[in-house]
């Protein structure tokens, strides 16, 4: 994909950073879910912009850390690595295979 939002740095970095922010927002503001939800998504977007890892689905990764239920919240600081980071790595692998098997496509445009 030619989209800068789909490049490896954005894909993996966006999900991991957003997952971390989502977990931290829940840990600090979990007693007020509406605050934790809003802060998780907005701070994740700001962090992705600051680190040049903007990946729009990362906002959902942050939100899932807050509203994902007890199994997700029980992962704590492991959540950004697994399932968020591992899932992003699997998506990256699929993207590499699907795009590079086609003769007219090249992915990624850049790694970092």
PDB file of N, CA and C in Angstrom:
ATOM      1  N   UNK A   1       0.834  -1.185   0.000  1.00  0.00           N
ATOM      2  CA  UNK A   1       0.000   0.000   0.000  1.00  0.00           C
ATOM      3  C   UNK A   1       0.878   1.248   0.000  1.00  0.00           C
ATOM      4  N   UNK A   2       0.476   2.240  -0.744  1.00  0.00           N
ATOM      5  CA  UNK A   2       1.239   3.486  -0.833  1.00  0.00           C
ATOM      6  C   UNK A   2       0.905   4.449   0.299  1.00  0.00           C
ATOM      7  N   UNK A   3      -0.097   4.154   1.078  1.00  0.00           N
ATOM      8  CA  UNK A   3      -0.498   5.058   2.151  1.00  0.00           C
ATOM      9  C   UNK A   3       0.585   5.148   3.222  1.00  0.00           C
ATOM     10  N   UNK A   4       0.962   6.360   3.615  1.00  0.00           N
ATOM     11  CA  UNK A   4       1.956   6.477   4.683  1.00  0.00           C
ATOM     12  C   UNK A   4       1.447   5.919   6.015  1.00  0.00           C
ATOM     13  N   UNK A   5       0.131   5.882   6.187  1.00  0.00           N
ATOM     14  CA  UNK A   5      -0.442   5.367   7.430  1.00  0.00           C
ATOM     15  C   UNK A   5      -0.332   3.849   7.543  1.00  0.00           C
ATOM     16  N   UNK A   6      -0.026   3.179   6.432  1.00  0.00           N
ATOM     17  CA  UNK A   6       0.032   1.716   6.416  1.00  0.00           C
ATOM     18  C   UNK A   6       1.455   1.178   6.414  1.00  0.00           C
ATOM     19  N   UNK A   7       2.440   2.034   6.524  1.00  0.00           N
ATOM     20  CA  UNK A   7       3.832   1.587   6.511  1.00  0.00           C
ATOM     21  C   UNK A   7       4.185   0.945   7.856  1.00  0.00           C
ATOM     22  N   UNK A   8       5.188   0.083   7.894  1.00  0.00           N
ATOM     23  CA  UNK A   8       5.487  -0.677   9.115  1.00  0.00           C
ATOM     24  C   UNK A   8       5.639   0.169  10.383  1.00  0.00           C
ATOM     25  N   UNK A   9       6.351   1.283  10.305  1.00  0.00           N
ATOM     26  CA  UNK A   9       6.523   2.132  11.492  1.00  0.00           C
ATOM     27  C   UNK A   9       5.172   2.589  12.017  1.00  0.00           C
ATOM     28  N   UNK A  10       4.305   3.015  11.112  1.00  0.00           N
ATOM     29  CA  UNK A  10       2.993   3.496  11.514  1.00  0.00           C
ATOM     30  C   UNK A  10       2.113   2.370  12.030  1.00  0.00           C
ATOM     31  N   UNK A  11       2.124   1.257  11.328  1.00  0.00           N
ATOM     32  CA  UNK A  11       1.286   0.121  11.707  1.00  0.00           C
ATOM     33  C   UNK A  11       1.642  -0.402  13.092  1.00  0.00           C
ATOM     34  N   UNK A  12       2.875  -0.787  13.279  1.00  0.00           N
ATOM     35  CA  UNK A  12       3.287  -1.384  14.555  1.00  0.00           C
ATOM     36  C   UNK A  12       3.383  -0.319  15.642  1.00  0.00           C
ATOM     37  N   UNK A  13       4.071   0.767  15.353  1.00  0.00           N
ATOM     38  CA  UNK A  13       4.232   1.828  16.350  1.00  0.00           C
ATOM     39  C   UNK A  13       2.914   2.423  16.789  1.00  0.00           C
ATOM     40  N   UNK A  14       2.010   2.651  15.837  1.00  0.00           N
ATOM     41  CA  UNK A  14       0.713   3.230  16.172  1.00  0.00           C
ATOM     42  C   UNK A  14      -0.093   2.363  17.117  1.00  0.00           C
ATOM     43  N   UNK A  15      -0.099   1.059  16.863  1.00  0.00           N
ATOM     44  CA  UNK A  15      -0.860   0.158  17.736  1.00  0.00           C
ATOM     45  C   UNK A  15      -0.212   0.018  19.117  1.00  0.00           C
ATOM     46  N   UNK A  16       1.100  -0.107  19.164  1.00  0.00           N
ATOM     47  CA  UNK A  16       1.777  -0.295  20.458  1.00  0.00           C
ATOM     48  C   UNK A  16       1.661   0.965  21.315  1.00  0.00           C
ATOM     49  N   UNK A  17       1.935   2.115  20.738  1.00  0.00           N
ATOM     50  CA  UNK A  17       1.839   3.379  21.487  1.00  0.00           C
ATOM     51  C   UNK A  17       0.411   3.612  21.958  1.00  0.00           C
ATOM     52  N   UNK A  18      -0.548   3.395  21.079  1.00  0.00           N
ATOM     53  CA  UNK A  18      -1.949   3.606  21.441  1.00  0.00           C
ATOM     54  C   UNK A  18      -2.408   2.624  22.511  1.00  0.00           C
ATOM     55  N   UNK A  19      -1.956   1.383  22.419  1.00  0.00           N
ATOM     56  CA  UNK A  19      -2.303   0.408  23.447  1.00  0.00           C
ATOM     57  C   UNK A  19      -1.768   0.804  24.805  1.00  0.00           C
ATOM     58  N   UNK A  20      -0.538   1.282  24.841  1.00  0.00           N
ATOM     59  CA  UNK A  20       0.061   1.733  26.096  1.00  0.00           C
ATOM     60  C   UNK A  20      -0.719   2.904  26.684  1.00  0.00           C
ATOM     61  N   UNK A  21      -1.064   3.859  25.860  1.00  0.00           N
ATOM     62  CA  UNK A  21      -1.818   5.019  26.342  1.00  0.00           C
ATOM     63  C   UNK A  21      -3.194   4.597  26.836  1.00  0.00           C
ATOM     64  N   UNK A  22      -3.839   3.688  26.124  1.00  0.00           N
ATOM     65  CA  UNK A  22      -5.142   3.205  26.564  1.00  0.00           C
ATOM     66  C   UNK A  22      -5.079   2.530  27.924  1.00  0.00           C
ATOM     67  N   UNK A  23      -4.080   1.694  28.127  1.00  0.00           N
ATOM     68  CA  UNK A  23      -3.910   1.013  29.421  1.00  0.00           C
ATOM     69  C   UNK A  23      -3.679   2.032  30.528  1.00  0.00           C
ATOM     70  N   UNK A  24      -2.797   2.984  30.291  1.00  0.00           N
ATOM     71  CA  UNK A  24      -2.500   3.995  31.311  1.00  0.00           C
ATOM     72  C   UNK A  24      -3.719   4.855  31.618  1.00  0.00           C
ATOM     73  N   UNK A  25      -4.490   5.214  30.605  1.00  0.00           N
ATOM     74  CA  UNK A  25      -5.701   6.007  30.844  1.00  0.00           C
ATOM     75  C   UNK A  25      -6.702   5.230  31.685  1.00  0.00           C
ATOM     76  N   UNK A  26      -6.841   3.931  31.416  1.00  0.00           N
ATOM     77  CA  UNK A  26      -7.752   3.138  32.238  1.00  0.00           C
ATOM     78  C   UNK A  26      -7.245   3.037  33.672  1.00  0.00           C
ATOM     79  N   UNK A  27      -5.940   2.837  33.846  1.00  0.00           N
ATOM     80  CA  UNK A  27      -5.393   2.702  35.193  1.00  0.00           C
ATOM     81  C   UNK A  27      -5.558   3.982  36.003  1.00  0.00           C
ATOM     82  N   UNK A  28      -5.458   5.124  35.350  1.00  0.00           N
ATOM     83  CA  UNK A  28      -5.553   6.400  36.067  1.00  0.00           C
ATOM     84  C   UNK A  28      -6.999   6.869  36.198  1.00  0.00           C
ATOM     85  N   UNK A  29      -7.799   6.734  35.137  1.00  0.00           N
ATOM     86  CA  UNK A  29      -9.153   7.299  35.119  1.00  0.00           C
ATOM     87  C   UNK A  29     -10.249   6.251  34.995  1.00  0.00           C
ATOM     88  N   UNK A  30      -9.950   4.991  35.254  1.00  0.00           N
ATOM     89  CA  UNK A  30     -10.908   3.913  35.068  1.00  0.00           C
ATOM     90  C   UNK A  30     -12.193   4.042  35.855  1.00  0.00           C
ATOM     91  N   UNK A  31     -12.161   4.754  36.969  1.00  0.00           N
ATOM     92  CA  UNK A  31     -13.384   4.932  37.753  1.00  0.00           C
ATOM     93  C   UNK A  31     -14.359   5.869  37.047  1.00  0.00           C
ATOM     94  N   UNK A  32     -13.877   6.611  36.063  1.00  0.00           N
ATOM     95  CA  UNK A  32     -14.713   7.499  35.238  1.00  0.00           C
ATOM     96  C   UNK A  32     -14.481   7.100  33.778  1.00  0.00           C
ATOM     97  N   UNK A  33     -15.203   6.069  33.336  1.00  0.00           N
ATOM     98  CA  UNK A  33     -14.936   5.508  32.013  1.00  0.00           C
ATOM     99  C   UNK A  33     -15.037   6.531  30.891  1.00  0.00           C
ATOM    100  N   UNK A  34     -15.995   7.438  30.977  1.00  0.00           N
ATOM    101  CA  UNK A  34     -16.143   8.407  29.890  1.00  0.00           C
ATOM    102  C   UNK A  34     -14.908   9.287  29.757  1.00  0.00           C
ATOM    103  N   UNK A  35     -14.242   9.580  30.863  1.00  0.00           N
ATOM    104  CA  UNK A  35     -13.004  10.367  30.813  1.00  0.00           C
ATOM    105  C   UNK A  35     -11.875   9.509  30.238  1.00  0.00           C
ATOM    106  N   UNK A  36     -11.767   8.281  30.722  1.00  0.00           N
ATOM    107  CA  UNK A  36     -10.714   7.381  30.246  1.00  0.00           C
ATOM    108  C   UNK A  36     -10.852   7.114  28.750  1.00  0.00           C
ATOM    109  N   UNK A  37     -12.080   6.919  28.279  1.00  0.00           N
ATOM    110  CA  UNK A  37     -12.315   6.664  26.857  1.00  0.00           C
ATOM    111  C   UNK A  37     -11.870   7.844  26.004  1.00  0.00           C
ATOM    112  N   UNK A  38     -12.333   9.033  26.377  1.00  0.00           N
ATOM    113  CA  UNK A  38     -12.010  10.237  25.601  1.00  0.00           C
ATOM    114  C   UNK A  38     -10.515  10.533  25.624  1.00  0.00           C
ATOM    115  N   UNK A  39      -9.909  10.437  26.796  1.00  0.00           N
ATOM    116  CA  UNK A  39      -8.473  10.710  26.896  1.00  0.00           C
ATOM    117  C   UNK A  39      -7.644   9.669  26.157  1.00  0.00           C
ATOM    118  N   UNK A  40      -8.045   8.417  26.233  1.00  0.00           N
ATOM    119  CA  UNK A  40      -7.275   7.361  25.571  1.00  0.00           C
ATOM    120  C   UNK A  40      -7.174   7.617  24.072  1.00  0.00           C
ATOM    121  N   UNK A  41      -8.298   7.898  23.443  1.00  0.00           N
ATOM    122  CA  UNK A  41      -8.289   8.111  21.994  1.00  0.00           C
ATOM    123  C   UNK A  41      -7.571   9.406  21.636  1.00  0.00           C
ATOM    124  N   UNK A  42      -7.887  10.488  22.332  1.00  0.00           N
ATOM    125  CA  UNK A  42      -7.275  11.779  21.974  1.00  0.00           C
ATOM    126  C   UNK A  42      -5.777  11.798  22.263  1.00  0.00           C
ATOM    127  N   UNK A  43      -5.355  11.265  23.397  1.00  0.00           N
ATOM    128  CA  UNK A  43      -3.922  11.233  23.700  1.00  0.00           C
ATOM    129  C   UNK A  43      -3.171  10.274  22.777  1.00  0.00           C
ATOM    130  N   UNK A  44      -3.828   9.196  22.376  1.00  0.00           N
ATOM    131  CA  UNK A  44      -3.194   8.273  21.428  1.00  0.00           C
ATOM    132  C   UNK A  44      -2.941   8.970  20.093  1.00  0.00           C
ATOM    133  N   UNK A  45      -3.897   9.756  19.632  1.00  0.00           N
ATOM    134  CA  UNK A  45      -3.715  10.486  18.373  1.00  0.00           C
ATOM    135  C   UNK A  45      -2.567  11.475  18.497  1.00  0.00           C
ATOM    136  N   UNK A  46      -2.523  12.215  19.602  1.00  0.00           N
ATOM    137  CA  UNK A  46      -1.438  13.177  19.813  1.00  0.00           C
ATOM    138  C   UNK A  46      -0.087  12.454  19.857  1.00  0.00           C
ATOM    139  N   UNK A  47      -0.017  11.350  20.582  1.00  0.00           N
ATOM    140  CA  UNK A  47       1.243  10.606  20.694  1.00  0.00           C
ATOM    141  C   UNK A  47       1.685  10.055  19.341  1.00  0.00           C
ATOM    142  N   UNK A  48       0.738   9.558  18.561  1.00  0.00           N
ATOM    143  CA  UNK A  48       1.101   9.050  17.237  1.00  0.00           C
ATOM    144  C   UNK A  48       1.595  10.181  16.336  1.00  0.00           C
ATOM    145  N   UNK A  49       0.984  11.347  16.436  1.00  0.00           N
ATOM    146  CA  UNK A  49       1.452  12.495  15.653  1.00  0.00           C
ATOM    147  C   UNK A  49       2.859  12.900  16.073  1.00  0.00           C
ATOM    148  N   UNK A  50       3.097  12.956  17.380  1.00  0.00           N
ATOM    149  CA  UNK A  50       4.411  13.372  17.884  1.00  0.00           C
ATOM    150  C   UNK A  50       5.516  12.384  17.520  1.00  0.00           C
ATOM    151  N   UNK A  51       5.177  11.116  17.437  1.00  0.00           N
ATOM    152  CA  UNK A  51       6.181  10.087  17.131  1.00  0.00           C
ATOM    153  C   UNK A  51       6.191   9.698  15.650  1.00  0.00           C
ATOM    154  N   UNK A  52       5.395  10.388  14.851  1.00  0.00           N
ATOM    155  CA  UNK A  52       5.285  10.104  13.410  1.00  0.00           C
ATOM    156  C   UNK A  52       4.895   8.647  13.149  1.00  0.00           C
ATOM    157  N   UNK A  53       3.981   8.150  13.960  1.00  0.00           N
ATOM    158  CA  UNK A  53       3.483   6.781  13.795  1.00  0.00           C
ATOM    159  C   UNK A  53       1.968   6.764  13.614  1.00  0.00           C
ATOM    160  N   UNK A  54       1.412   7.823  13.030  1.00  0.00           N
ATOM    161  CA  UNK A  54      -0.040   7.914  12.897  1.00  0.00           C
ATOM    162  C   UNK A  54      -0.586   6.731  12.100  1.00  0.00           C
ATOM    163  N   UNK A  55      -1.474   6.011  12.734  1.00  0.00           N
ATOM    164  CA  UNK A  55      -2.155   4.867  12.131  1.00  0.00           C
ATOM    165  C   UNK A  55      -3.577   4.930  12.670  1.00  0.00           C
ATOM    166  N   UNK A  56      -4.551   5.403  11.871  1.00  0.00           N
ATOM    167  CA  UNK A  56      -5.897   5.651  12.389  1.00  0.00           C
ATOM    168  C   UNK A  56      -6.512   4.530  13.226  1.00  0.00           C
ATOM    169  N   UNK A  57      -6.356   3.241  12.883  1.00  0.00           N
ATOM    170  CA  UNK A  57      -6.913   2.209  13.756  1.00  0.00           C
ATOM    171  C   UNK A  57      -6.291   2.180  15.155  1.00  0.00           C
ATOM    172  N   UNK A  58      -5.164   2.862  15.341  1.00  0.00           N
ATOM    173  CA  UNK A  58      -4.571   2.943  16.672  1.00  0.00           C
ATOM    174  C   UNK A  58      -5.510   3.570  17.691  1.00  0.00           C
ATOM    175  N   UNK A  59      -6.359   4.483  17.248  1.00  0.00           N
ATOM    176  CA  UNK A  59      -7.347   5.068  18.160  1.00  0.00           C
ATOM    177  C   UNK A  59      -8.267   4.006  18.733  1.00  0.00           C
ATOM    178  N   UNK A  60      -8.649   3.049  17.905  1.00  0.00           N
ATOM    179  CA  UNK A  60      -9.490   1.949  18.383  1.00  0.00           C
ATOM    180  C   UNK A  60      -8.725   1.054  19.348  1.00  0.00           C
ATOM    181  N   UNK A  61      -7.436   0.877  19.108  1.00  0.00           N
ATOM    182  CA  UNK A  61      -6.615   0.075  20.016  1.00  0.00           C
ATOM    183  C   UNK A  61      -6.594   0.701  21.403  1.00  0.00           C
ATOM    184  N   UNK A  62      -6.476   2.027  21.460  1.00  0.00           N
ATOM    185  CA  UNK A  62      -6.506   2.729  22.746  1.00  0.00           C
ATOM    186  C   UNK A  62      -7.872   2.582  23.408  1.00  0.00           C
ATOM    187  N   UNK A  63      -8.932   2.721  22.628  1.00  0.00           N
ATOM    188  CA  UNK A  63     -10.285   2.614  23.175  1.00  0.00           C
ATOM    189  C   UNK A  63     -10.562   1.205  23.691  1.00  0.00           C
ATOM    190  N   UNK A  64     -10.114   0.189  22.970  1.00  0.00           N
ATOM    191  CA  UNK A  64     -10.327  -1.197  23.398  1.00  0.00           C
ATOM    192  C   UNK A  64      -9.649  -1.463  24.740  1.00  0.00           C
ATOM    193  N   UNK A  65      -8.495  -0.837  24.972  1.00  0.00           N
ATOM    194  CA  UNK A  65      -7.811  -1.013  26.260  1.00  0.00           C
ATOM    195  C   UNK A  65      -8.683  -0.537  27.413  1.00  0.00           C
ATOM    196  N   UNK A  66      -9.557   0.429  27.148  1.00  0.00           N
ATOM    197  CA  UNK A  66     -10.419   0.983  28.198  1.00  0.00           C
ATOM    198  C   UNK A  66     -11.732   0.221  28.304  1.00  0.00           C
ATOM    199  N   UNK A  67     -12.368  -0.086  27.182  1.00  0.00           N
ATOM    200  CA  UNK A  67     -13.714  -0.670  27.218  1.00  0.00           C
ATOM    201  C   UNK A  67     -13.737  -2.155  26.873  1.00  0.00           C
ATOM    202  N   UNK A  68     -12.580  -2.771  26.720  1.00  0.00           N
ATOM    203  CA  UNK A  68     -12.491  -4.141  26.230  1.00  0.00           C
ATOM    204  C   UNK A  68     -12.930  -5.234  27.178  1.00  0.00           C
ATOM    205  N   UNK A  69     -13.285  -4.922  28.376  1.00  0.00           N
ATOM    206  CA  UNK A  69     -13.715  -5.952  29.302  1.00  0.00           C
ATOM    207  C   UNK A  69     -12.588  -6.426  30.203  1.00  0.00           C
ATOM    208  N   UNK A  70     -12.940  -7.298  31.119  1.00  0.00           N
ATOM    209  CA  UNK A  70     -11.991  -7.736  32.144  1.00  0.00           C
ATOM    210  C   UNK A  70     -10.801  -8.511  31.585  1.00  0.00           C
ATOM    211  N   UNK A  71     -11.024  -9.333  30.572  1.00  0.00           N
ATOM    212  CA  UNK A  71      -9.902 -10.109  30.018  1.00  0.00           C
ATOM    213  C   UNK A  71      -8.854  -9.190  29.398  1.00  0.00           C
ATOM    214  N   UNK A  72      -9.301  -8.162  28.716  1.00  0.00           N
ATOM    215  CA  UNK A  72      -8.364  -7.199  28.123  1.00  0.00           C
ATOM    216  C   UNK A  72      -7.680  -6.399  29.227  1.00  0.00           C
ATOM    217  N   UNK A  73      -8.460  -5.883  30.163  1.00  0.00           N
ATOM    218  CA  UNK A  73      -7.886  -5.053  31.236  1.00  0.00           C
ATOM    219  C   UNK A  73      -6.961  -5.857  32.138  1.00  0.00           C
ATOM    220  N   UNK A  74      -7.209  -7.151  32.281  1.00  0.00           N
ATOM    221  CA  UNK A  74      -6.346  -7.993  33.116  1.00  0.00           C
ATOM    222  C   UNK A  74      -4.942  -8.125  32.524  1.00  0.00           C
ATOM    223  N   UNK A  75      -4.803  -7.908  31.232  1.00  0.00           N
ATOM    224  CA  UNK A  75      -3.481  -7.967  30.603  1.00  0.00           C
ATOM    225  C   UNK A  75      -2.591  -6.816  31.059  1.00  0.00           C
ATOM    226  N   UNK A  76      -3.199  -5.717  31.471  1.00  0.00           N
ATOM    227  CA  UNK A  76      -2.422  -4.568  31.940  1.00  0.00           C
ATOM    228  C   UNK A  76      -1.433  -4.095  30.895  1.00  0.00           C
ATOM    229  N   UNK A  77      -0.196  -3.880  31.316  1.00  0.00           N
ATOM    230  CA  UNK A  77       0.832  -3.360  30.418  1.00  0.00           C
ATOM    231  C   UNK A  77       1.307  -4.379  29.386  1.00  0.00           C
ATOM    232  N   UNK A  78       0.826  -5.606  29.465  1.00  0.00           N
ATOM    233  CA  UNK A  78       1.112  -6.593  28.432  1.00  0.00           C
ATOM    234  C   UNK A  78       0.267  -6.333  27.182  1.00  0.00           C
ATOM    235  N   UNK A  79      -0.891  -5.696  27.347  1.00  0.00           N
ATOM    236  CA  UNK A  79      -1.806  -5.448  26.225  1.00  0.00           C
ATOM    237  C   UNK A  79      -1.142  -4.753  25.033  1.00  0.00           C
ATOM    238  N   UNK A  80      -0.304  -3.724  25.233  1.00  0.00           N
ATOM    239  CA  UNK A  80       0.316  -3.092  24.060  1.00  0.00           C
ATOM    240  C   UNK A  80       1.204  -4.042  23.253  1.00  0.00           C
ATOM    241  N   UNK A  81       1.774  -5.038  23.910  1.00  0.00           N
ATOM    242  CA  UNK A  81       2.633  -5.989  23.200  1.00  0.00           C
ATOM    243  C   UNK A  81       1.845  -7.148  22.620  1.00  0.00           C
ATOM    244  N   UNK A  82       0.927  -7.664  23.431  1.00  0.00           N
ATOM    245  CA  UNK A  82       0.119  -8.787  22.996  1.00  0.00           C
ATOM    246  C   UNK A  82      -1.248  -8.665  23.649  1.00  0.00           C
ATOM    247  N   UNK A  83      -2.258  -8.399  22.895  1.00  0.00           N
ATOM    248  CA  UNK A  83      -2.458  -8.694  21.487  1.00  0.00           C
ATOM    249  C   UNK A  83      -2.157  -7.551  20.508  1.00  0.00           C
ATOM    250  N   UNK A  84      -2.026  -6.301  20.975  1.00  0.00           N
ATOM    251  CA  UNK A  84      -1.917  -5.175  20.030  1.00  0.00           C
ATOM    252  C   UNK A  84      -0.672  -5.265  19.147  1.00  0.00           C
ATOM    253  N   UNK A  85       0.494  -5.375  19.735  1.00  0.00           N
ATOM    254  CA  UNK A  85       1.731  -5.428  18.956  1.00  0.00           C
ATOM    255  C   UNK A  85       1.842  -6.684  18.116  1.00  0.00           C
ATOM    256  N   UNK A  86       1.493  -7.816  18.700  1.00  0.00           N
ATOM    257  CA  UNK A  86       1.548  -9.078  17.956  1.00  0.00           C
ATOM    258  C   UNK A  86       0.562  -9.062  16.793  1.00  0.00           C
ATOM    259  N   UNK A  87      -0.628  -8.549  17.037  1.00  0.00           N
ATOM    260  CA  UNK A  87      -1.618  -8.438  15.964  1.00  0.00           C
ATOM    261  C   UNK A  87      -1.130  -7.551  14.833  1.00  0.00           C
ATOM    262  N   UNK A  88      -0.471  -6.449  15.186  1.00  0.00           N
ATOM    263  CA  UNK A  88       0.081  -5.552  14.165  1.00  0.00           C
ATOM    264  C   UNK A  88       1.175  -6.251  13.364  1.00  0.00           C
ATOM    265  N   UNK A  89       1.985  -7.055  14.030  1.00  0.00           N
ATOM    266  CA  UNK A  89       3.039  -7.790  13.323  1.00  0.00           C
ATOM    267  C   UNK A  89       2.442  -8.818  12.355  1.00  0.00           C
ATOM    268  N   UNK A  90       1.366  -9.456  12.759  1.00  0.00           N
ATOM    269  CA  UNK A  90       0.690 -10.407  11.871  1.00  0.00           C
ATOM    270  C   UNK A  90       0.111  -9.672  10.660  1.00  0.00           C
ATOM    271  N   UNK A  91      -0.514  -8.506  10.904  1.00  0.00           N
ATOM    272  CA  UNK A  91      -1.023  -7.697   9.790  1.00  0.00           C
ATOM    273  C   UNK A  91       0.102  -7.290   8.849  1.00  0.00           C
ATOM    274  N   UNK A  92       1.246  -6.923   9.410  1.00  0.00           N
ATOM    275  CA  UNK A  92       2.401  -6.541   8.600  1.00  0.00           C
ATOM    276  C   UNK A  92       2.854  -7.710   7.726  1.00  0.00           C
ATOM    277  N   UNK A  93       2.931  -8.886   8.299  1.00  0.00           N
ATOM    278  CA  UNK A  93       3.334 -10.072   7.539  1.00  0.00           C
ATOM    279  C   UNK A  93       2.363 -10.344   6.394  1.00  0.00           C
ATOM    280  N   UNK A  94       1.077 -10.261   6.667  1.00  0.00           N
ATOM    281  CA  UNK A  94       0.074 -10.469   5.619  1.00  0.00           C
ATOM    282  C   UNK A  94       0.212  -9.398   4.540  1.00  0.00           C
ATOM    283  N   UNK A  95       0.428  -8.149   4.951  1.00  0.00           N
ATOM    284  CA  UNK A  95       0.621  -7.072   3.987  1.00  0.00           C
ATOM    285  C   UNK A  95       1.841  -7.283   3.120  1.00  0.00           C
ATOM    286  N   UNK A  96       2.924  -7.752   3.729  1.00  0.00           N
ATOM    287  CA  UNK A  96       4.140  -8.041   2.959  1.00  0.00           C
ATOM    288  C   UNK A  96       3.884  -9.125   1.920  1.00  0.00           C
ATOM    289  N   UNK A  97       3.236 -10.190   2.339  1.00  0.00           N
ATOM    290  CA  UNK A  97       2.962 -11.296   1.415  1.00  0.00           C
ATOM    291  C   UNK A  97       2.001 -10.881   0.308  1.00  0.00           C
ATOM    292  N   UNK A  98       0.885 -10.285   0.678  1.00  0.00           N
ATOM    293  CA  UNK A  98      -0.144  -9.944  -0.307  1.00  0.00           C
ATOM    294  C   UNK A  98       0.344  -8.909  -1.311  1.00  0.00           C
ATOM    295  N   UNK A  99       1.046  -7.897  -0.853  1.00  0.00           N
ATOM    296  CA  UNK A  99       1.474  -6.828  -1.753  1.00  0.00           C
ATOM    297  C   UNK A  99       2.672  -7.214  -2.602  1.00  0.00           C
ATOM    298  N   UNK A 100       3.580  -7.994  -2.074  1.00  0.00           N
ATOM    299  CA  UNK A 100       4.787  -8.310  -2.830  1.00  0.00           C
ATOM    300  C   UNK A 100       4.628  -9.515  -3.753  1.00  0.00           C
ATOM    301  N   UNK A 101       3.535 -10.230  -3.637  1.00  0.00           N
ATOM    302  CA  UNK A 101       3.257 -11.302  -4.593  1.00  0.00           C
ATOM    303  C   UNK A 101       2.719 -10.736  -5.905  1.00  0.00           C
ATOM    304  N   UNK A 102       2.113  -9.556  -5.849  1.00  0.00           N
ATOM    305  CA  UNK A 102       1.602  -8.903  -7.057  1.00  0.00           C
ATOM    306  C   UNK A 102       2.752  -8.173  -7.753  1.00  0.00           C
ATOM    307  N   UNK A 103       2.842  -8.329  -9.054  1.00  0.00           N
ATOM    308  CA  UNK A 103       3.968  -7.767  -9.812  1.00  0.00           C
ATOM    309  C   UNK A 103       3.998  -6.242  -9.800  1.00  0.00           C
ATOM    310  N   UNK A 104       2.871  -5.599  -9.724  1.00  0.00           N
ATOM    311  CA  UNK A 104       2.809  -4.142  -9.819  1.00  0.00           C
ATOM    312  C   UNK A 104       2.779  -3.432  -8.460  1.00  0.00           C
ATOM    313  N   UNK A 105       2.984  -4.160  -7.395  1.00  0.00           N
ATOM    314  CA  UNK A 105       2.958  -3.560  -6.058  1.00  0.00           C
ATOM    315  C   UNK A 105       4.292  -3.735  -5.365  1.00  0.00           C
ATOM    316  N   UNK A 106       4.577  -2.777  -4.493  1.00  0.00           N
ATOM    317  CA  UNK A 106       5.773  -2.876  -3.663  1.00  0.00           C
ATOM    318  C   UNK A 106       5.420  -2.366  -2.269  1.00  0.00           C
ATOM    319  N   UNK A 107       5.646  -3.200  -1.281  1.00  0.00           N
ATOM    320  CA  UNK A 107       5.364  -2.829   0.107  1.00  0.00           C
ATOM    321  C   UNK A 107       6.461  -3.396   0.976  1.00  0.00           C
ATOM    322  N   UNK A 108       6.968  -2.654   1.878  1.00  0.00           N
ATOM    323  CA  UNK A 108       6.635  -1.277   2.242  1.00  0.00           C
ATOM    324  C   UNK A 108       7.415  -0.270   1.394  1.00  0.00           C
ATOM    325  N   UNK A 109       6.947   0.963   1.428  1.00  0.00           N
ATOM    326  CA  UNK A 109       7.685   2.042   0.775  1.00  0.00           C
ATOM    327  C   UNK A 109       8.901   2.409   1.607  1.00  0.00           C
ATOM    328  N   UNK A 110       8.785   2.268   2.913  1.00  0.00           N
ATOM    329  CA  UNK A 110       9.900   2.473   3.841  1.00  0.00           C
ATOM    330  C   UNK A 110       9.610   1.659   5.095  1.00  0.00           C
ATOM    331  N   UNK A 111      10.663   1.295   5.807  1.00  0.00           N
ATOM    332  CA  UNK A 111      10.499   0.504   7.029  1.00  0.00           C
ATOM    333  C   UNK A 111      10.411   1.386   8.253  1.00  0.00           C
ATOM    334  N   UNK A 112      11.273   2.345   8.348  1.00  0.00           N
ATOM    335  CA  UNK A 112      11.309   3.155   9.557  1.00  0.00           C
ATOM    336  C   UNK A 112      11.354   4.592   9.182  1.00  0.00           C
TER     337      UNK A 112
END
